[in-house]
């Protein structure tokens, strides 16, 4: 066994030990948060170090795809034995699926509305934001409802479904890497990423479905078979109707789609949302009752911010000039996002190379991560699926790794935001955590910008050295 294979085996063994430790912590304490938070973060830190070590070795001695997949499946199976305590989103999923399965619009009532008492289940008391209706869009509810009807309302059911979606996303990452000329072993950057493993196999977040559908849309767009022109717009519409983040990719695919594909995407999105809006309201006014298709998301985003980077800085400094710094910060962030999307659209108009398209897709998603008022760890799952395409391919300078560095670093340190939950009775965001997460991330972003802006060096030997 070579030195590199021994190191890879060590990384796998360390990761397995770390994930088993998560199960032990969960079994002993009944949670991975509250009094277990520090132990959980220590274990996740060990898993992160093992992951980075494996990623480093993979560039010197590529790990076989069989090993990558077997280890990835083992990691997920182990973590699936923990209870989803690092987030309570899964209980909202169960409740929303149950409500919809009972024929009630998830946008018409807030959780605590007495009108829902007749269909109550235990998960109702565990679901978050009981004063709001569902913040999720129709495709997400279709997944929740199908899970409820087929597998029953349980955290295990939701986690199994999300793990299947996430493995589908992993399969598509591999296929897209091959299609764009990147070696398939780079899929290790996604398949062994502790953030992805924990947030899906443990947290069961709907981002797994959103990521798979988004990658399916990108794959169909790049292949562009005339006989299946509907696949790309339908899958991107489904992704957008799961969580709206994939909408940020429209400026890229717009130039790769035909007019009928553009129309199909818009029509499907509108047709899926309109019936709920007409029946339960849109939730776009000044009302704070938390109902309507967009009511919950609007109230939540206007009244809450967490673990943000640019938004938090704007909120702090704009407070000197306005009595509503939150609104001002959101406006500036939206303007920033519009500028990024305009630049992306302009660049996308001139590219057709599949690898260039996948790399450009990173830009709007990364901008969202930097500008959003709320950043939970699972918000990075889609970005985790895209960053492997930034890695250098043949004849490209190794400096391209600096383009991955900020996002890889953020993914391994963003779980520190779980320190907020160290006290079960107090929600207390730590400013020090934001500094630890974002200062090095922005520092590496500046390094990445500097290296990517540097003109390529000539490979010719200078005349005075060739004599």
Protein backbone atom coordinates (compact mmCIF):
# COMPACT_ATOMS: atom_id res chain seq x y z
CA UNK A 1 0.00 0.00 0.00
CA UNK A 2 1.44 3.36 -1.03
CA UNK A 3 1.82 6.28 1.36
CA UNK A 4 -1.08 8.14 -0.25
CA UNK A 5 -3.42 5.16 0.04
CA UNK A 6 -2.50 4.78 3.69
CA UNK A 7 -3.34 8.43 4.31
CA UNK A 8 -6.66 8.03 2.47
CA UNK A 9 -7.47 4.99 4.62
CA UNK A 10 -6.64 7.04 7.71
CA UNK A 11 -8.96 9.83 6.55
CA UNK A 12 -11.79 7.34 5.97
CA UNK A 13 -11.26 5.68 9.35
CA UNK A 14 -11.16 9.05 11.10
CA UNK A 15 -14.37 10.14 9.38
CA UNK A 16 -16.11 6.89 10.32
CA UNK A 17 -15.02 7.34 13.93
CA UNK A 18 -16.28 10.92 13.96
CA UNK A 19 -19.70 10.01 12.59
CA UNK A 20 -20.00 7.09 15.01
CA UNK A 21 -19.14 9.55 17.78
CA UNK A 22 -22.10 11.71 16.68
CA UNK A 23 -24.38 8.71 17.11
CA UNK A 24 -22.92 8.01 20.57
CA UNK A 25 -23.40 11.65 21.64
CA UNK A 26 -26.97 11.58 20.38
CA UNK A 27 -27.77 8.27 22.10
CA UNK A 28 -26.30 9.37 25.42
CA UNK A 29 -27.77 12.86 25.56
CA UNK A 30 -30.81 12.66 23.30
CA UNK A 31 -29.59 15.68 21.32
CA UNK A 32 -26.62 17.11 19.42
CA UNK A 33 -27.34 20.60 20.68
CA UNK A 34 -27.83 22.24 24.11
CA UNK A 35 -25.34 20.59 26.50
CA UNK A 36 -23.98 18.47 23.63
CA UNK A 37 -23.18 21.39 21.33
CA UNK A 38 -19.48 21.66 22.13
CA UNK A 39 -18.95 17.90 21.83
CA UNK A 40 -20.83 17.90 18.53
CA UNK A 41 -18.72 20.72 17.12
CA UNK A 42 -15.51 18.99 18.23
CA UNK A 43 -16.54 15.82 16.41
CA UNK A 44 -17.56 17.79 13.30
CA UNK A 45 -14.16 19.49 13.42
CA UNK A 46 -12.44 16.10 13.35
CA UNK A 47 -14.61 15.04 10.39
CA UNK A 48 -13.73 18.30 8.61
CA UNK A 49 -10.00 17.75 9.08
CA UNK A 50 -10.29 14.21 7.75
CA UNK A 51 -12.28 15.49 4.76
CA UNK A 52 -9.72 18.17 3.90
CA UNK A 53 -6.91 15.63 4.25
CA UNK A 54 -8.71 13.27 1.86
CA UNK A 55 -9.31 16.10 -0.61
CA UNK A 56 -5.59 16.97 -0.50
CA UNK A 57 -4.50 13.38 -1.08
CA UNK A 58 -7.06 12.95 -3.84
CA UNK A 59 -5.17 15.48 -5.95
CA UNK A 60 -1.93 13.51 -5.64
CA UNK A 61 -3.31 9.99 -5.88
CA UNK A 62 -6.94 10.01 -7.08
CA UNK A 63 -9.21 7.86 -4.95
CA UNK A 64 -11.14 5.22 -6.88
CA UNK A 65 -14.81 5.91 -7.49
CA UNK A 66 -15.70 2.63 -5.81
CA UNK A 67 -13.96 3.76 -2.61
CA UNK A 68 -15.53 7.22 -2.81
CA UNK A 69 -19.04 5.81 -3.13
CA UNK A 70 -18.65 3.08 -0.51
CA UNK A 71 -17.26 5.51 2.06
CA UNK A 72 -19.92 8.11 1.19
CA UNK A 73 -22.72 5.59 1.70
CA UNK A 74 -21.20 4.42 4.99
CA UNK A 75 -20.95 8.00 6.28
CA UNK A 76 -24.59 8.69 5.47
CA UNK A 77 -25.90 5.43 6.91
CA UNK A 78 -24.11 6.07 10.21
CA UNK A 79 -25.31 9.66 10.53
CA UNK A 80 -28.87 8.58 9.73
CA UNK A 81 -28.95 6.86 13.14
CA UNK A 82 -28.93 10.26 14.87
CA UNK A 83 -32.09 12.20 15.66
CA UNK A 84 -32.53 15.52 13.78
CA UNK A 85 -31.83 17.89 16.67
CA UNK A 86 -29.48 20.43 15.06
CA UNK A 87 -32.54 21.80 13.27
CA UNK A 88 -36.28 21.45 13.78
CA UNK A 89 -37.18 22.03 10.13
CA UNK A 90 -38.04 18.35 9.72
CA UNK A 91 -41.04 18.74 12.04
CA UNK A 92 -42.35 21.58 9.87
CA UNK A 93 -41.96 19.29 6.85
CA UNK A 94 -43.95 16.56 8.58
CA UNK A 95 -46.67 18.96 9.69
CA UNK A 96 -46.97 20.62 6.28
CA UNK A 97 -47.16 17.23 4.56
CA UNK A 98 -49.84 16.08 6.99
CA UNK A 99 -51.90 19.26 6.57
CA UNK A 100 -51.75 19.09 2.78
CA UNK A 101 -52.55 15.39 2.85
CA UNK A 102 -55.69 16.23 4.83
CA UNK A 103 -56.81 18.53 2.01
CA UNK A 104 -56.00 21.79 3.81
CA UNK A 105 -53.91 24.51 2.15
CA UNK A 106 -50.60 24.90 4.04
CA UNK A 107 -50.76 28.64 3.33
CA UNK A 108 -54.24 29.28 4.73
CA UNK A 109 -53.55 28.77 8.44
CA UNK A 110 -50.72 29.30 10.89
CA UNK A 111 -49.69 26.21 12.86
CA UNK A 112 -51.29 27.34 16.11
CA UNK A 113 -54.67 28.16 14.52
CA UNK A 114 -57.39 26.29 16.46
CA UNK A 115 -59.08 25.44 13.16
CA UNK A 116 -56.36 22.80 12.68
CA UNK A 117 -56.96 21.09 16.02
CA UNK A 118 -59.07 18.41 14.36
CA UNK A 119 -56.09 17.12 12.35
CA UNK A 120 -53.33 17.62 14.91
CA UNK A 121 -50.38 15.24 15.29
CA UNK A 122 -47.49 15.28 17.84
CA UNK A 123 -45.11 16.95 15.38
CA UNK A 124 -47.33 20.02 15.38
CA UNK A 125 -45.98 21.04 18.78
CA UNK A 126 -42.39 20.58 17.60
CA UNK A 127 -42.64 22.53 14.33
CA UNK A 128 -40.93 25.91 14.23
CA UNK A 129 -42.59 29.32 13.85
CA UNK A 130 -46.08 28.25 14.96
CA UNK A 131 -47.34 31.80 14.34
CA UNK A 132 -46.67 31.47 10.61
CA UNK A 133 -48.09 29.38 7.80
CA UNK A 134 -45.79 27.32 5.61
CA UNK A 135 -42.80 29.11 4.06
CA UNK A 136 -42.29 26.37 1.46
CA UNK A 137 -43.39 26.37 -2.16
CA UNK A 138 -45.67 23.83 -3.89
CA UNK A 139 -43.02 21.34 -5.09
CA UNK A 140 -41.71 21.04 -1.54
CA UNK A 141 -45.24 20.36 -0.33
CA UNK A 142 -45.66 17.70 -2.99
CA UNK A 143 -42.60 15.93 -1.54
CA UNK A 144 -43.79 16.33 2.05
CA UNK A 145 -47.28 15.11 1.21
CA UNK A 146 -46.12 12.12 -0.83
CA UNK A 147 -43.82 11.12 2.04
CA UNK A 148 -46.67 11.43 4.53
CA UNK A 149 -49.08 9.37 2.42
CA UNK A 150 -46.61 6.65 1.39
CA UNK A 151 -44.26 6.30 4.36
CA UNK A 152 -46.17 7.99 7.15
CA UNK A 153 -45.44 11.10 9.22
CA UNK A 154 -42.06 10.45 10.83
CA UNK A 155 -38.58 11.94 10.90
CA UNK A 156 -37.18 8.68 9.56
CA UNK A 157 -39.46 8.85 6.52
CA UNK A 158 -38.38 12.40 5.68
CA UNK A 159 -34.70 11.58 6.17
CA UNK A 160 -34.87 8.53 3.93
CA UNK A 161 -36.48 10.59 1.17
CA UNK A 162 -33.94 13.40 1.49
CA UNK A 163 -31.00 10.97 1.51
CA UNK A 164 -32.31 9.48 -1.75
CA UNK A 165 -32.57 12.95 -3.27
CA UNK A 166 -29.08 13.82 -2.07
CA UNK A 167 -27.57 10.62 -3.49
CA UNK A 168 -29.29 11.50 -6.75
CA UNK A 169 -27.58 14.87 -6.59
CA UNK A 170 -24.24 13.13 -5.96
CA UNK A 171 -24.79 10.90 -9.01
CA UNK A 172 -25.46 13.99 -11.13
CA UNK A 173 -22.33 15.70 -9.78
CA UNK A 174 -20.29 12.73 -11.02
CA UNK A 175 -22.02 12.74 -14.41
CA UNK A 176 -21.54 16.47 -14.87
CA UNK A 177 -17.87 16.27 -13.88
CA UNK A 178 -17.30 13.65 -16.57
CA UNK A 179 -19.33 15.62 -19.13
CA UNK A 180 -17.31 18.79 -18.48
CA UNK A 181 -13.90 17.14 -18.62
CA UNK A 182 -13.17 17.17 -14.89
CA UNK A 183 -11.99 13.95 -13.32
CA UNK A 184 -14.77 12.10 -11.58
CA UNK A 185 -12.78 11.61 -8.36
CA UNK A 186 -13.27 15.33 -7.69
CA UNK A 187 -16.78 14.28 -6.66
CA UNK A 188 -15.12 13.49 -3.33
CA UNK A 189 -15.37 17.23 -2.62
CA UNK A 190 -19.13 16.77 -2.49
CA UNK A 191 -19.64 13.15 -1.49
CA UNK A 192 -17.36 13.29 1.56
CA UNK A 193 -18.23 16.84 2.57
CA UNK A 194 -19.28 16.70 6.27
CA UNK A 195 -21.65 19.65 5.82
CA UNK A 196 -23.63 17.81 3.15
CA UNK A 197 -23.62 14.54 5.06
CA UNK A 198 -24.79 16.02 8.37
CA UNK A 199 -27.32 18.50 6.97
CA UNK A 200 -29.06 15.83 4.89
CA UNK A 201 -28.58 12.47 6.63
CA UNK A 202 -29.10 14.11 10.03
CA UNK A 203 -31.09 17.30 9.34
CA UNK A 204 -33.15 15.99 6.39
CA UNK A 205 -33.25 19.42 4.75
CA UNK A 206 -35.29 20.02 1.61
CA UNK A 207 -32.15 21.50 0.02
CA UNK A 208 -31.31 17.92 -1.01
CA UNK A 209 -34.28 17.83 -3.38
CA UNK A 210 -33.61 21.37 -4.59
CA UNK A 211 -29.98 20.50 -5.35
CA UNK A 212 -30.80 17.31 -7.23
CA UNK A 213 -33.45 19.01 -9.36
CA UNK A 214 -31.14 21.94 -10.09
CA UNK A 215 -28.31 19.66 -11.21
CA UNK A 216 -30.77 17.69 -13.34
CA UNK A 217 -31.81 20.92 -15.04
CA UNK A 218 -28.20 21.94 -15.67
CA UNK A 219 -27.37 18.48 -17.01
CA UNK A 220 -30.35 18.53 -19.38
CA UNK A 221 -29.50 22.07 -20.47
CA UNK A 222 -25.93 21.16 -21.35
CA UNK A 223 -26.97 18.06 -23.25
CA UNK A 224 -29.83 19.82 -25.02
CA UNK A 225 -31.37 16.83 -26.84
CA UNK A 226 -34.12 18.15 -29.10
CA UNK A 227 -36.40 15.21 -28.31
CA UNK A 228 -36.40 16.07 -24.61
CA UNK A 229 -36.55 19.85 -24.64
CA UNK A 230 -39.00 19.85 -21.72
CA UNK A 231 -36.65 18.22 -19.19
CA UNK A 232 -34.51 21.26 -18.45
CA UNK A 233 -37.30 23.82 -17.87
CA UNK A 234 -39.49 21.36 -15.96
CA UNK A 235 -36.72 20.27 -13.59
CA UNK A 236 -35.54 23.83 -12.99
CA UNK A 237 -39.15 24.86 -12.34
CA UNK A 238 -39.48 22.00 -9.85
CA UNK A 239 -36.25 23.10 -8.17
CA UNK A 240 -37.44 26.71 -7.99
CA UNK A 241 -40.79 25.56 -6.57
CA UNK A 242 -38.90 23.65 -3.87
CA UNK A 243 -36.80 26.59 -2.75
CA UNK A 244 -36.49 29.74 -4.90
CA UNK A 245 -32.66 29.84 -4.92
CA UNK A 246 -32.38 28.11 -8.37
CA UNK A 247 -34.17 31.15 -9.82
CA UNK A 248 -30.73 32.78 -9.65
CA UNK A 249 -29.54 30.47 -12.43
CA UNK A 250 -32.11 31.69 -14.95
CA UNK A 251 -29.75 34.42 -16.32
CA UNK A 252 -27.37 31.60 -17.28
CA UNK A 253 -29.72 29.03 -18.79
CA UNK A 254 -31.76 31.74 -20.52
CA UNK A 255 -29.19 31.95 -23.32
CA UNK A 256 -28.97 28.17 -23.65
CA UNK A 257 -32.73 27.62 -23.89
CA UNK A 258 -35.13 28.08 -26.75
CA UNK A 259 -38.12 30.39 -26.49
CA UNK A 260 -40.46 27.49 -25.79
CA UNK A 261 -38.21 26.32 -22.94
CA UNK A 262 -38.24 29.80 -21.41
CA UNK A 263 -42.02 29.92 -21.75
CA UNK A 264 -42.41 26.42 -20.27
CA UNK A 265 -40.37 27.34 -17.20
CA UNK A 266 -42.40 30.49 -16.54
CA UNK A 267 -45.71 28.75 -17.22
CA UNK A 268 -45.01 25.83 -14.85
CA UNK A 269 -43.91 28.14 -12.03
CA UNK A 270 -46.96 30.36 -12.45
CA UNK A 271 -49.40 27.47 -12.84
CA UNK A 272 -48.11 25.78 -9.67
CA UNK A 273 -48.27 28.88 -7.47
CA UNK A 274 -51.40 30.63 -8.81
CA UNK A 275 -54.06 28.26 -7.40
CA UNK A 276 -52.63 28.57 -3.89
CA UNK A 277 -52.31 32.33 -4.17
CA UNK A 278 -55.88 32.71 -5.38
CA UNK A 279 -57.23 30.40 -2.68
CA UNK A 280 -55.11 31.41 0.33
CA UNK A 281 -53.78 34.85 -0.59
CA UNK A 282 -50.32 35.96 -1.66
CA UNK A 283 -49.06 37.33 1.64
CA UNK A 284 -47.29 40.25 -0.02
CA UNK A 285 -48.95 43.14 1.82
CA UNK A 286 -48.08 44.69 5.14
CA UNK A 287 -49.99 42.09 7.12
CA UNK A 288 -48.08 40.24 9.81
CA UNK A 289 -50.53 37.37 10.21
CA UNK A 290 -48.09 35.03 8.45
CA UNK A 291 -50.52 33.50 5.95
CA UNK A 292 -50.50 33.41 2.15
CA UNK A 293 -48.09 31.84 -0.31
CA UNK A 294 -45.29 34.29 0.44
CA UNK A 295 -46.56 35.61 3.78
CA UNK A 296 -44.47 33.40 6.04
CA UNK A 297 -41.24 33.89 4.09
CA UNK A 298 -41.80 37.66 3.95
CA UNK A 299 -42.48 38.05 7.67
CA UNK A 300 -39.57 35.76 8.54
CA UNK A 301 -37.06 37.55 6.31
CA UNK A 302 -38.17 40.99 7.48
CA UNK A 303 -37.96 40.20 11.19
CA UNK A 304 -35.01 37.86 11.46
CA UNK A 305 -31.40 37.72 10.39
CA UNK A 306 -28.81 35.17 11.38
CA UNK A 307 -25.14 34.39 10.71
CA UNK A 308 -25.05 36.80 7.77
CA UNK A 309 -21.97 38.44 6.35
CA UNK A 310 -22.53 41.50 4.19
CA UNK A 311 -26.10 42.01 5.40
CA UNK A 312 -25.02 42.09 9.03
CA UNK A 313 -22.32 44.66 8.25
CA UNK A 314 -24.81 46.79 6.31
CA UNK A 315 -27.39 46.53 9.07
CA UNK A 316 -24.87 47.73 11.63
CA UNK A 317 -23.46 50.66 9.67
CA UNK A 318 -26.67 51.87 8.00
CA UNK A 319 -28.17 52.28 11.46
CA UNK A 320 -26.28 55.58 11.66
CA UNK A 321 -28.29 56.99 8.78
CA UNK A 322 -31.77 55.48 8.99
CA UNK A 323 -34.30 54.45 11.60
CA UNK A 324 -34.92 51.17 9.74
CA UNK A 325 -31.47 49.72 9.05
CA UNK A 326 -32.92 46.28 8.35
CA UNK A 327 -34.99 47.54 5.42
CA UNK A 328 -32.09 49.64 4.12
CA UNK A 329 -29.71 46.67 4.34
CA UNK A 330 -32.16 44.45 2.46
CA UNK A 331 -32.50 47.05 -0.30
CA UNK A 332 -28.73 47.35 -0.69
CA UNK A 333 -28.36 43.56 -0.68
CA UNK A 334 -31.04 43.20 -3.36
CA UNK A 335 -29.34 45.87 -5.49
CA UNK A 336 -26.07 44.01 -5.10
CA UNK A 337 -27.71 40.76 -6.16
CA UNK A 338 -29.27 42.43 -9.22
CA UNK A 339 -25.87 43.79 -10.26
CA UNK A 340 -24.33 40.33 -9.94
CA UNK A 341 -27.14 38.73 -11.95
CA UNK A 342 -26.81 41.36 -14.67
CA UNK A 343 -23.08 40.68 -14.93
CA UNK A 344 -23.71 36.93 -14.99
CA UNK A 345 -26.33 37.31 -17.74
CA UNK A 346 -23.92 39.36 -19.82
CA UNK A 347 -21.18 36.78 -19.42
CA UNK A 348 -23.54 33.84 -20.04
CA UNK A 349 -24.57 35.24 -23.40
CA UNK A 350 -21.13 34.52 -24.80
CA UNK A 351 -20.36 31.07 -23.37
CA UNK A 352 -21.37 27.64 -24.55
CA UNK A 353 -18.60 25.48 -23.12
CA UNK A 354 -20.17 23.14 -20.51
CA UNK A 355 -17.38 23.60 -17.96
CA UNK A 356 -17.58 27.39 -18.28
CA UNK A 357 -21.35 27.20 -17.73
CA UNK A 358 -20.96 25.11 -14.56
CA UNK A 359 -18.30 27.46 -13.24
CA UNK A 360 -20.44 30.49 -13.96
CA UNK A 361 -23.32 28.85 -12.05
CA UNK A 362 -21.23 29.16 -8.90
CA UNK A 363 -21.26 32.97 -9.08
CA UNK A 364 -24.94 33.79 -8.36
CA UNK A 365 -25.20 31.05 -5.72
CA UNK A 366 -22.04 32.30 -4.01
CA UNK A 367 -23.34 35.88 -4.17
CA UNK A 368 -26.54 34.74 -2.49
CA UNK A 369 -24.50 33.17 0.32
CA UNK A 370 -22.64 36.45 0.82
CA UNK A 371 -25.70 38.70 0.69
CA UNK A 372 -28.49 36.74 2.35
CA UNK A 373 -29.74 38.00 5.74
CA UNK A 374 -30.02 34.40 6.97
CA UNK A 375 -27.38 31.73 6.50
CA UNK A 376 -27.88 28.35 8.11
CA UNK A 377 -25.32 25.63 7.30
CA UNK A 378 -27.72 23.74 5.02
CA UNK A 379 -28.02 26.77 2.75
CA UNK A 380 -24.58 25.78 1.41
CA UNK A 381 -25.57 22.35 0.05
CA UNK A 382 -26.17 23.57 -3.52
CA UNK A 383 -22.92 25.52 -3.48
CA UNK A 384 -21.13 22.38 -2.26
CA UNK A 385 -22.38 20.56 -5.37
CA UNK A 386 -21.07 23.29 -7.69
CA UNK A 387 -17.64 24.20 -6.31
CA UNK A 388 -15.86 21.02 -7.55
CA UNK A 389 -16.18 22.45 -11.07
CA UNK A 390 -13.93 25.36 -10.09
CA UNK A 391 -10.95 23.06 -9.59
CA UNK A 392 -8.20 23.29 -12.23
CA UNK A 393 -8.25 20.86 -15.12
CA UNK A 394 -5.43 19.94 -17.46
CA UNK A 395 -3.19 22.86 -18.48
CA UNK A 396 -4.84 25.21 -15.98
CA UNK A 397 -2.74 26.82 -13.23
CA UNK A 398 -2.92 25.38 -9.73
CA UNK A 399 -3.80 28.90 -8.53
CA UNK A 400 -7.38 28.04 -9.49
CA UNK A 401 -7.62 26.24 -6.15
CA UNK A 402 -7.84 29.68 -4.57
CA UNK A 403 -11.29 29.95 -6.17
CA UNK A 404 -12.44 26.95 -4.13
CA UNK A 405 -10.64 27.86 -0.92
CA UNK A 406 -13.10 30.45 0.49
CA UNK A 407 -16.11 28.18 0.03
CA UNK A 408 -14.40 25.02 1.29
CA UNK A 409 -13.27 26.92 4.38
CA UNK A 410 -16.74 28.33 4.99
CA UNK A 411 -18.31 24.89 4.67
CA UNK A 412 -16.10 23.39 7.35
CA UNK A 413 -16.43 26.27 9.84
CA UNK A 414 -20.07 27.35 9.33
CA UNK A 415 -21.29 24.67 11.81
CA UNK A 416 -19.88 26.98 14.49
CA UNK A 417 -23.16 28.85 14.08
CA UNK A 418 -24.71 25.98 16.06
CA UNK A 419 -23.16 27.56 19.15
CA UNK A 420 -26.29 29.70 19.09
CA UNK A 421 -28.18 26.62 20.32
CA UNK A 422 -25.91 25.81 23.24
CA UNK A 423 -28.63 27.09 25.60
CA UNK A 424 -31.97 25.50 24.81
CA UNK A 425 -33.87 28.41 26.36
CA UNK A 426 -31.93 31.34 24.88
CA UNK A 427 -31.37 32.17 21.20
CA UNK A 428 -28.14 34.14 21.35
CA UNK A 429 -26.16 34.66 18.17
CA UNK A 430 -22.45 35.14 18.89
CA UNK A 431 -20.70 37.99 17.08
CA UNK A 432 -17.38 36.17 17.57
CA UNK A 433 -18.67 33.26 15.48
CA UNK A 434 -19.44 35.57 12.57
CA UNK A 435 -15.92 36.98 12.73
CA UNK A 436 -14.39 33.50 12.81
CA UNK A 437 -16.48 32.44 9.82
CA UNK A 438 -16.42 35.49 7.64
CA UNK A 439 -13.09 37.27 8.12
CA UNK A 440 -11.02 34.38 6.75
CA UNK A 441 -13.65 33.70 4.08
CA UNK A 442 -13.49 37.26 2.79
CA UNK A 443 -9.71 37.22 3.11
CA UNK A 444 -9.51 34.16 0.87
CA UNK A 445 -12.00 35.75 -1.54
CA UNK A 446 -9.64 38.69 -1.96
CA UNK A 447 -6.75 36.30 -2.57
CA UNK A 448 -8.87 34.43 -5.13
CA UNK A 449 -9.77 37.67 -6.88
CA UNK A 450 -6.14 38.77 -6.96
CA UNK A 451 -4.88 35.48 -8.39
CA UNK A 452 -7.68 35.16 -10.95
CA UNK A 453 -7.08 38.75 -12.13
CA UNK A 454 -3.38 38.15 -12.65
CA UNK A 455 -2.47 37.82 -16.35
CA UNK A 456 -1.27 34.33 -17.29
CA UNK A 457 2.50 33.96 -17.32
CA UNK A 458 4.14 33.16 -20.61
CA UNK A 459 5.59 29.69 -20.91
CA UNK A 460 8.37 30.89 -23.19
CA UNK A 461 11.85 31.30 -21.79
CA UNK A 462 13.05 34.91 -21.60
CA UNK A 463 15.54 35.76 -24.27
CA UNK A 464 18.38 36.66 -21.89
CA UNK A 465 17.98 33.27 -20.14
CA UNK A 466 17.93 31.17 -23.32
CA UNK A 467 21.42 31.95 -24.47
